[in-house]
C-alpha cells in the first residue's frame, strides 16, 4: 500500500487520488482489523494448549 501511494502521482495532468498522507490511516485501519480478527480466531479456538504431547 505504501508503494502504491508513492507510485501514484499527478502525471499527465491527472489528479493524485491516493496520496501518501492518506495511506497511513488506511494501513492503521487494516492493521487493527487484522489484529482483531486474529484475536477473535484465537479466542474461539477449542484446542487446549498443552506442552505434554
PDB file of N, CA and C in Angstrom:
ATOM      1  N   UNK A   1       0.818  -1.171   0.000  1.00  0.00           N
ATOM      2  CA  UNK A   1       0.000   0.000   0.000  1.00  0.00           C
ATOM      3  C   UNK A   1       0.877   1.256   0.000  1.00  0.00           C
ATOM      4  N   UNK A   2       1.973   1.207   0.730  1.00  0.00           N
ATOM      5  CA  UNK A   2       2.867   2.355   0.744  1.00  0.00           C
ATOM      6  C   UNK A   2       3.517   2.583  -0.610  1.00  0.00           C
ATOM      7  N   UNK A   3       3.871   1.498  -1.271  1.00  0.00           N
ATOM      8  CA  UNK A   3       4.469   1.621  -2.595  1.00  0.00           C
ATOM      9  C   UNK A   3       3.454   2.186  -3.580  1.00  0.00           C
ATOM     10  N   UNK A   4       2.205   1.727  -3.484  1.00  0.00           N
ATOM     11  CA  UNK A   4       1.168   2.233  -4.375  1.00  0.00           C
ATOM     12  C   UNK A   4       0.934   3.720  -4.147  1.00  0.00           C
ATOM     13  N   UNK A   5       0.958   4.159  -2.913  1.00  0.00           N
ATOM     14  CA  UNK A   5       0.742   5.581  -2.644  1.00  0.00           C
ATOM     15  C   UNK A   5       1.919   6.421  -3.132  1.00  0.00           C
ATOM     16  N   UNK A   6       3.105   5.822  -3.166  1.00  0.00           N
ATOM     17  CA  UNK A   6       4.269   6.547  -3.642  1.00  0.00           C
ATOM     18  C   UNK A   6       4.281   6.621  -5.180  1.00  0.00           C
ATOM     19  N   UNK A   7       3.873   5.520  -5.823  1.00  0.00           N
ATOM     20  CA  UNK A   7       3.942   5.436  -7.277  1.00  0.00           C
ATOM     21  C   UNK A   7       2.858   6.278  -7.949  1.00  0.00           C
ATOM     22  N   UNK A   8       1.653   6.290  -7.367  1.00  0.00           N
ATOM     23  CA  UNK A   8       0.558   7.044  -7.958  1.00  0.00           C
ATOM     24  C   UNK A   8       0.899   8.523  -7.862  1.00  0.00           C
ATOM     25  N   UNK A   9       0.832   9.185  -8.964  1.00  0.00           N
ATOM     26  CA  UNK A   9       1.189  10.599  -8.981  1.00  0.00           C
ATOM     27  C   UNK A   9       0.250  11.400  -9.850  1.00  0.00           C
ATOM     28  N   UNK A  10       0.573  12.660  -9.986  1.00  0.00           N
ATOM     29  CA  UNK A  10      -0.259  13.535 -10.797  1.00  0.00           C
ATOM     30  C   UNK A  10       0.385  13.783 -12.156  1.00  0.00           C
ATOM     31  N   UNK A  11       0.811  12.698 -12.794  1.00  0.00           N
ATOM     32  CA  UNK A  11       1.399  12.791 -14.126  1.00  0.00           C
ATOM     33  C   UNK A  11       0.299  13.002 -15.163  1.00  0.00           C
ATOM     34  N   UNK A  12       0.656  13.560 -16.271  1.00  0.00           N
ATOM     35  CA  UNK A  12      -0.241  13.758 -17.419  1.00  0.00           C
ATOM     36  C   UNK A  12      -1.465  14.598 -17.073  1.00  0.00           C
ATOM     37  N   UNK A  13      -1.365  15.460 -16.091  1.00  0.00           N
ATOM     38  CA  UNK A  13      -2.460  16.356 -15.773  1.00  0.00           C
ATOM     39  C   UNK A  13      -3.593  15.732 -14.976  1.00  0.00           C
ATOM     40  N   UNK A  14      -3.442  14.491 -14.539  1.00  0.00           N
ATOM     41  CA  UNK A  14      -4.478  13.835 -13.748  1.00  0.00           C
ATOM     42  C   UNK A  14      -4.217  14.095 -12.266  1.00  0.00           C
ATOM     43  N   UNK A  15      -5.282  14.175 -11.509  1.00  0.00           N
ATOM     44  CA  UNK A  15      -5.145  14.421 -10.073  1.00  0.00           C
ATOM     45  C   UNK A  15      -4.683  13.154  -9.357  1.00  0.00           C
ATOM     46  N   UNK A  16      -3.975  13.327  -8.263  1.00  0.00           N
ATOM     47  CA  UNK A  16      -3.498  12.217  -7.440  1.00  0.00           C
ATOM     48  C   UNK A  16      -4.582  11.880  -6.421  1.00  0.00           C
ATOM     49  N   UNK A  17      -5.247  10.735  -6.602  1.00  0.00           N
ATOM     50  CA  UNK A  17      -6.368  10.378  -5.740  1.00  0.00           C
ATOM     51  C   UNK A  17      -5.946   9.568  -4.520  1.00  0.00           C
ATOM     52  N   UNK A  18      -4.731   9.070  -4.496  1.00  0.00           N
ATOM     53  CA  UNK A  18      -4.267   8.246  -3.371  1.00  0.00           C
ATOM     54  C   UNK A  18      -2.921   8.778  -2.923  1.00  0.00           C
ATOM     55  N   UNK A  19      -2.973   9.835  -2.118  1.00  0.00           N
ATOM     56  CA  UNK A  19      -1.746  10.474  -1.661  1.00  0.00           C
ATOM     57  C   UNK A  19      -1.127   9.668  -0.527  1.00  0.00           C
ATOM     58  N   UNK A  20       0.159   9.899  -0.296  1.00  0.00           N
ATOM     59  CA  UNK A  20       0.896   9.172   0.739  1.00  0.00           C
ATOM     60  C   UNK A  20       0.359   9.482   2.128  1.00  0.00           C
ATOM     61  N   UNK A  21      -0.099  10.716   2.354  1.00  0.00           N
ATOM     62  CA  UNK A  21      -0.630  11.039   3.676  1.00  0.00           C
ATOM     63  C   UNK A  21      -1.968  10.356   3.933  1.00  0.00           C
ATOM     64  N   UNK A  22      -2.655   9.897   2.891  1.00  0.00           N
ATOM     65  CA  UNK A  22      -3.886   9.134   3.066  1.00  0.00           C
ATOM     66  C   UNK A  22      -3.613   7.649   3.248  1.00  0.00           C
ATOM     67  N   UNK A  23      -2.428   7.200   2.904  1.00  0.00           N
ATOM     68  CA  UNK A  23      -2.108   5.776   3.007  1.00  0.00           C
ATOM     69  C   UNK A  23      -1.957   5.340   4.459  1.00  0.00           C
ATOM     70  N   UNK A  24      -1.369   6.177   5.305  1.00  0.00           N
ATOM     71  CA  UNK A  24      -1.124   5.783   6.693  1.00  0.00           C
ATOM     72  C   UNK A  24      -2.399   5.484   7.482  1.00  0.00           C
ATOM     73  N   UNK A  25      -3.462   6.277   7.393  1.00  0.00           N
ATOM     74  CA  UNK A  25      -4.696   5.885   8.095  1.00  0.00           C
ATOM     75  C   UNK A  25      -5.268   4.562   7.587  1.00  0.00           C
ATOM     76  N   UNK A  26      -5.149   4.313   6.280  1.00  0.00           N
ATOM     77  CA  UNK A  26      -5.626   3.041   5.740  1.00  0.00           C
ATOM     78  C   UNK A  26      -4.805   1.873   6.298  1.00  0.00           C
ATOM     79  N   UNK A  27      -3.509   2.055   6.402  1.00  0.00           N
ATOM     80  CA  UNK A  27      -2.653   0.993   6.941  1.00  0.00           C
ATOM     81  C   UNK A  27      -2.992   0.728   8.402  1.00  0.00           C
ATOM     82  N   UNK A  28      -3.236   1.781   9.167  1.00  0.00           N
ATOM     83  CA  UNK A  28      -3.600   1.615  10.580  1.00  0.00           C
ATOM     84  C   UNK A  28      -4.926   0.873  10.701  1.00  0.00           C
ATOM     85  N   UNK A  29      -5.904   1.237   9.894  1.00  0.00           N
ATOM     86  CA  UNK A  29      -7.214   0.576   9.942  1.00  0.00           C
ATOM     87  C   UNK A  29      -7.084  -0.896   9.571  1.00  0.00           C
ATOM     88  N   UNK A  30      -6.324  -1.195   8.526  1.00  0.00           N
ATOM     89  CA  UNK A  30      -6.130  -2.590   8.123  1.00  0.00           C
ATOM     90  C   UNK A  30      -5.388  -3.387   9.197  1.00  0.00           C
ATOM     91  N   UNK A  31      -4.400  -2.781   9.840  1.00  0.00           N
ATOM     92  CA  UNK A  31      -3.640  -3.466  10.889  1.00  0.00           C
ATOM     93  C   UNK A  31      -4.516  -3.767  12.094  1.00  0.00           C
ATOM     94  N   UNK A  32      -5.299  -2.794  12.517  1.00  0.00           N
ATOM     95  CA  UNK A  32      -6.191  -3.013  13.659  1.00  0.00           C
ATOM     96  C   UNK A  32      -7.229  -4.078  13.326  1.00  0.00           C
ATOM     97  N   UNK A  33      -7.779  -4.030  12.126  1.00  0.00           N
ATOM     98  CA  UNK A  33      -8.738  -5.053  11.705  1.00  0.00           C
ATOM     99  C   UNK A  33      -8.131  -6.436  11.699  1.00  0.00           C
ATOM    100  N   UNK A  34      -6.895  -6.542  11.227  1.00  0.00           N
ATOM    101  CA  UNK A  34      -6.215  -7.837  11.209  1.00  0.00           C
ATOM    102  C   UNK A  34      -5.971  -8.339  12.628  1.00  0.00           C
ATOM    103  N   UNK A  35      -5.544  -7.443  13.519  1.00  0.00           N
ATOM    104  CA  UNK A  35      -5.287  -7.847  14.903  1.00  0.00           C
ATOM    105  C   UNK A  35      -6.567  -8.298  15.595  1.00  0.00           C
ATOM    106  N   UNK A  36      -7.664  -7.617  15.340  1.00  0.00           N
ATOM    107  CA  UNK A  36      -8.940  -8.013  15.941  1.00  0.00           C
ATOM    108  C   UNK A  36      -9.390  -9.363  15.386  1.00  0.00           C
ATOM    109  N   UNK A  37      -9.252  -9.563  14.083  1.00  0.00           N
ATOM    110  CA  UNK A  37      -9.677 -10.835  13.503  1.00  0.00           C
ATOM    111  C   UNK A  37      -8.831 -11.994  14.013  1.00  0.00           C
ATOM    112  N   UNK A  38      -7.523 -11.785  14.187  1.00  0.00           N
ATOM    113  CA  UNK A  38      -6.664 -12.842  14.729  1.00  0.00           C
ATOM    114  C   UNK A  38      -7.013 -13.138  16.182  1.00  0.00           C
ATOM    115  N   UNK A  39      -7.317 -12.085  16.934  1.00  0.00           N
ATOM    116  CA  UNK A  39      -7.699 -12.284  18.328  1.00  0.00           C
ATOM    117  C   UNK A  39      -8.990 -13.060  18.439  1.00  0.00           C
ATOM    118  N   UNK A  40      -9.958 -12.749  17.589  1.00  0.00           N
ATOM    119  CA  UNK A  40     -11.220 -13.489  17.609  1.00  0.00           C
ATOM    120  C   UNK A  40     -11.016 -14.937  17.172  1.00  0.00           C
ATOM    121  N   UNK A  41     -10.150 -15.156  16.204  1.00  0.00           N
ATOM    122  CA  UNK A  41      -9.893 -16.521  15.743  1.00  0.00           C
ATOM    123  C   UNK A  41      -9.219 -17.342  16.834  1.00  0.00           C
ATOM    124  N   UNK A  42      -8.303 -16.745  17.558  1.00  0.00           N
ATOM    125  CA  UNK A  42      -7.606 -17.479  18.612  1.00  0.00           C
ATOM    126  C   UNK A  42      -8.488 -17.672  19.837  1.00  0.00           C
ATOM    127  N   UNK A  43      -9.369 -16.721  20.115  1.00  0.00           N
ATOM    128  CA  UNK A  43     -10.215 -16.846  21.296  1.00  0.00           C
ATOM    129  C   UNK A  43     -11.287 -17.916  21.109  1.00  0.00           C
ATOM    130  N   UNK A  44     -11.675 -18.173  19.871  1.00  0.00           N
ATOM    131  CA  UNK A  44     -12.703 -19.183  19.640  1.00  0.00           C
ATOM    132  C   UNK A  44     -12.109 -20.561  19.355  1.00  0.00           C
ATOM    133  N   UNK A  45     -10.801 -20.684  19.453  1.00  0.00           N
ATOM    134  CA  UNK A  45     -10.155 -21.972  19.245  1.00  0.00           C
ATOM    135  C   UNK A  45     -10.472 -22.889  20.418  1.00  0.00           C
ATOM    136  N   UNK A  46     -10.911 -24.091  20.127  1.00  0.00           N
ATOM    137  CA  UNK A  46     -11.318 -25.023  21.180  1.00  0.00           C
ATOM    138  C   UNK A  46     -10.212 -25.993  21.575  1.00  0.00           C
ATOM    139  N   UNK A  47      -9.097 -25.976  20.849  1.00  0.00           N
ATOM    140  CA  UNK A  47      -8.000 -26.874  21.188  1.00  0.00           C
ATOM    141  C   UNK A  47      -7.239 -26.330  22.381  1.00  0.00           C
ATOM    142  N   UNK A  48      -7.147 -27.106  23.450  1.00  0.00           N
ATOM    143  CA  UNK A  48      -6.384 -26.623  24.603  1.00  0.00           C
ATOM    144  C   UNK A  48      -4.891 -26.676  24.317  1.00  0.00           C
ATOM    145  N   UNK A  49      -4.171 -25.750  24.874  1.00  0.00           N
ATOM    146  CA  UNK A  49      -2.722 -25.717  24.712  1.00  0.00           C
ATOM    147  C   UNK A  49      -2.115 -26.589  25.791  1.00  0.00           C
ATOM    148  N   UNK A  50      -1.301 -27.544  25.378  1.00  0.00           N
ATOM    149  CA  UNK A  50      -0.683 -28.457  26.330  1.00  0.00           C
ATOM    150  C   UNK A  50       0.736 -28.770  25.849  1.00  0.00           C
ATOM    151  N   UNK A  51       1.723 -28.565  26.722  1.00  0.00           N
ATOM    152  CA  UNK A  51       3.104 -28.856  26.351  1.00  0.00           C
ATOM    153  C   UNK A  51       3.414 -30.337  26.362  1.00  0.00           C
ATOM    154  N   UNK A  52       2.619 -31.136  27.027  1.00  0.00           N
ATOM    155  CA  UNK A  52       2.871 -32.573  27.146  1.00  0.00           C
ATOM    156  C   UNK A  52       2.240 -33.315  25.981  1.00  0.00           C
ATOM    157  N   UNK A  53       2.887 -33.306  24.867  1.00  0.00           N
ATOM    158  CA  UNK A  53       2.347 -34.019  23.701  1.00  0.00           C
ATOM    159  C   UNK A  53       3.167 -35.224  23.413  1.00  0.00           C
TER     160      UNK A  53
END
